[in-house]
Every structure is written in structure tokens, then in C-alpha cells.
Amino acid sequence: MMINALGRFLILAGIILIIAGLVFSFAGKIPWIGKLPGDIYIKRENVSFYFPVTTSILLSIVISLILFFIGRRQ
């Protein structure tokens, strides 16, 4: 029983890592990722700070919906 749950967890973790890898690979080709209104970007002479608030919220909602529908099937 424990091995079965561990196997499912590893498969799910692998799928999530593959999706994350694809997102990172193609993020530069999607023009709106990281440039949405609400993303914070401060640039000074010696320092630049970037925090993608809106992008993080949007990705969190998408990932939550995906995991909700995956968990609902079982």
C-alpha cells in the first residue's frame, strides 16, 4: 500500500517537473509572461529589482486549477 502511494507521488512529481521545465524553456517565447500590469520592476543606477506579482498569482491559479481537476478524478 505504501509503495503504491509513493509510486503515484513520484509520477505526479515527475509530471510537474516536466511541465515546469517546459514553461521555463518556452517562457521567453510567450511575450506576456513577466510583463503583466502589476509586476514590479525597479531599476536604479547600480541595482535592479524585479518581482512578478501578477504573473505569480496567475500561474498559481492555473496550477491550482490543474491540481484540483487531477485530484478530483481519483
C-alpha atoms as a PDB file:
ATOM      1  CA  MET A   1       0.000   0.000   0.000  1.00  0.00           C
ATOM      2  CA  MET A   2       2.798   2.435   0.903  1.00  0.00           C
ATOM      3  CA  ILE A   3       4.770   1.605  -2.245  1.00  0.00           C
ATOM      4  CA  ASN A   4       1.694   2.285  -4.390  1.00  0.00           C
ATOM      5  CA  ALA A   5       1.245   5.774  -2.885  1.00  0.00           C
ATOM      6  CA  LEU A   6       4.952   6.506  -3.264  1.00  0.00           C
ATOM      7  CA  GLY A   7       4.796   5.483  -6.927  1.00  0.00           C
ATOM      8  CA  ARG A   8       1.869   7.814  -7.593  1.00  0.00           C
ATOM      9  CA  PHE A   9       3.636  10.654  -5.820  1.00  0.00           C
ATOM     10  CA  LEU A  10       6.794  10.177  -7.885  1.00  0.00           C
ATOM     11  CA  ILE A  11       4.810  10.083 -11.126  1.00  0.00           C
ATOM     12  CA  LEU A  12       2.952  13.275 -10.198  1.00  0.00           C
ATOM     13  CA  ALA A  13       6.202  14.981  -9.146  1.00  0.00           C
ATOM     14  CA  GLY A  14       7.773  13.979 -12.469  1.00  0.00           C
ATOM     15  CA  ILE A  15       4.860  15.381 -14.449  1.00  0.00           C
ATOM     16  CA  ILE A  16       5.047  18.653 -12.509  1.00  0.00           C
ATOM     17  CA  LEU A  17       8.798  18.897 -13.142  1.00  0.00           C
ATOM     18  CA  ILE A  18       8.304  18.271 -16.861  1.00  0.00           C
ATOM     19  CA  ILE A  19       5.640  20.976 -17.057  1.00  0.00           C
ATOM     20  CA  ALA A  20       7.848  23.392 -15.102  1.00  0.00           C
ATOM     21  CA  GLY A  21      10.755  22.643 -17.446  1.00  0.00           C
ATOM     22  CA  LEU A  22       8.603  23.314 -20.495  1.00  0.00           C
ATOM     23  CA  VAL A  23       7.363  26.585 -19.012  1.00  0.00           C
ATOM     24  CA  PHE A  24      10.919  27.728 -18.299  1.00  0.00           C
ATOM     25  CA  SER A  25      12.082  26.661 -21.754  1.00  0.00           C
ATOM     26  CA  PHE A  26       9.328  28.486 -23.616  1.00  0.00           C
ATOM     27  CA  ALA A  27       8.775  31.423 -21.243  1.00  0.00           C
ATOM     28  CA  GLY A  28      10.891  33.728 -23.402  1.00  0.00           C
ATOM     29  CA  LYS A  29       8.697  32.981 -26.415  1.00  0.00           C
ATOM     30  CA  ILE A  30       5.476  33.892 -24.599  1.00  0.00           C
ATOM     31  CA  PRO A  31       5.531  37.707 -24.630  1.00  0.00           C
ATOM     32  CA  TRP A  32       3.178  38.369 -21.689  1.00  0.00           C
ATOM     33  CA  ILE A  33       4.906  36.205 -19.049  1.00  0.00           C
ATOM     34  CA  GLY A  34       6.699  38.525 -16.645  1.00  0.00           C
ATOM     35  CA  LYS A  35       5.392  41.700 -18.252  1.00  0.00           C
ATOM     36  CA  LEU A  36       1.850  41.890 -16.929  1.00  0.00           C
ATOM     37  CA  PRO A  37       0.441  45.007 -15.264  1.00  0.00           C
ATOM     38  CA  GLY A  38       1.177  44.708 -11.555  1.00  0.00           C
ATOM     39  CA  ASP A  39       4.624  43.142 -11.958  1.00  0.00           C
ATOM     40  CA  ILE A  40       7.135  45.214 -10.005  1.00  0.00           C
ATOM     41  CA  TYR A  41      10.339  46.318 -11.753  1.00  0.00           C
ATOM     42  CA  ILE A  42      12.615  48.918 -10.176  1.00  0.00           C
ATOM     43  CA  LYS A  43      15.849  49.928 -11.899  1.00  0.00           C
ATOM     44  CA  ARG A  44      18.375  52.257 -10.331  1.00  0.00           C
ATOM     45  CA  GLU A  45      21.985  53.034 -11.203  1.00  0.00           C
ATOM     46  CA  ASN A  46      23.585  50.029  -9.515  1.00  0.00           C
ATOM     47  CA  VAL A  47      20.594  47.891  -8.567  1.00  0.00           C
ATOM     48  CA  SER A  48      17.628  46.402 -10.337  1.00  0.00           C
ATOM     49  CA  PHE A  49      14.765  44.616  -8.590  1.00  0.00           C
ATOM     50  CA  TYR A  50      12.103  42.565 -10.320  1.00  0.00           C
ATOM     51  CA  PHE A  51       9.168  40.783  -8.685  1.00  0.00           C
ATOM     52  CA  PRO A  52       6.441  39.389 -10.970  1.00  0.00           C
ATOM     53  CA  VAL A  53       3.457  39.716  -8.608  1.00  0.00           C
ATOM     54  CA  THR A  54       0.683  39.413 -11.192  1.00  0.00           C
ATOM     55  CA  THR A  55       2.449  36.689 -13.148  1.00  0.00           C
ATOM     56  CA  SER A  56       2.963  34.680  -9.938  1.00  0.00           C
ATOM     57  CA  ILE A  57      -0.718  34.987  -8.996  1.00  0.00           C
ATOM     58  CA  LEU A  58      -1.846  33.969 -12.487  1.00  0.00           C
ATOM     59  CA  LEU A  59       0.470  30.930 -12.580  1.00  0.00           C
ATOM     60  CA  SER A  60      -0.660  29.953  -9.073  1.00  0.00           C
ATOM     61  CA  ILE A  61      -4.307  29.997 -10.154  1.00  0.00           C
ATOM     62  CA  VAL A  62      -3.564  27.914 -13.259  1.00  0.00           C
ATOM     63  CA  ILE A  63      -1.531  25.338 -11.307  1.00  0.00           C
ATOM     64  CA  SER A  64      -4.191  25.172  -8.565  1.00  0.00           C
ATOM     65  CA  LEU A  65      -6.910  24.503 -11.137  1.00  0.00           C
ATOM     66  CA  ILE A  66      -4.853  21.779 -12.799  1.00  0.00           C
ATOM     67  CA  LEU A  67      -4.160  20.055  -9.474  1.00  0.00           C
ATOM     68  CA  PHE A  68      -7.818  20.426  -8.443  1.00  0.00           C
ATOM     69  CA  PHE A  69      -9.028  18.637 -11.565  1.00  0.00           C
ATOM     70  CA  ILE A  70      -6.336  15.945 -11.258  1.00  0.00           C
ATOM     71  CA  GLY A  71      -7.297  15.295  -7.622  1.00  0.00           C
ATOM     72  CA  ARG A  72     -10.992  15.263  -8.422  1.00  0.00           C
ATOM     73  CA  ARG A  73     -10.635  12.345 -10.857  1.00  0.00           C
ATOM     74  CA  GLN A  74      -9.393   9.964  -8.191  1.00  0.00           C
END
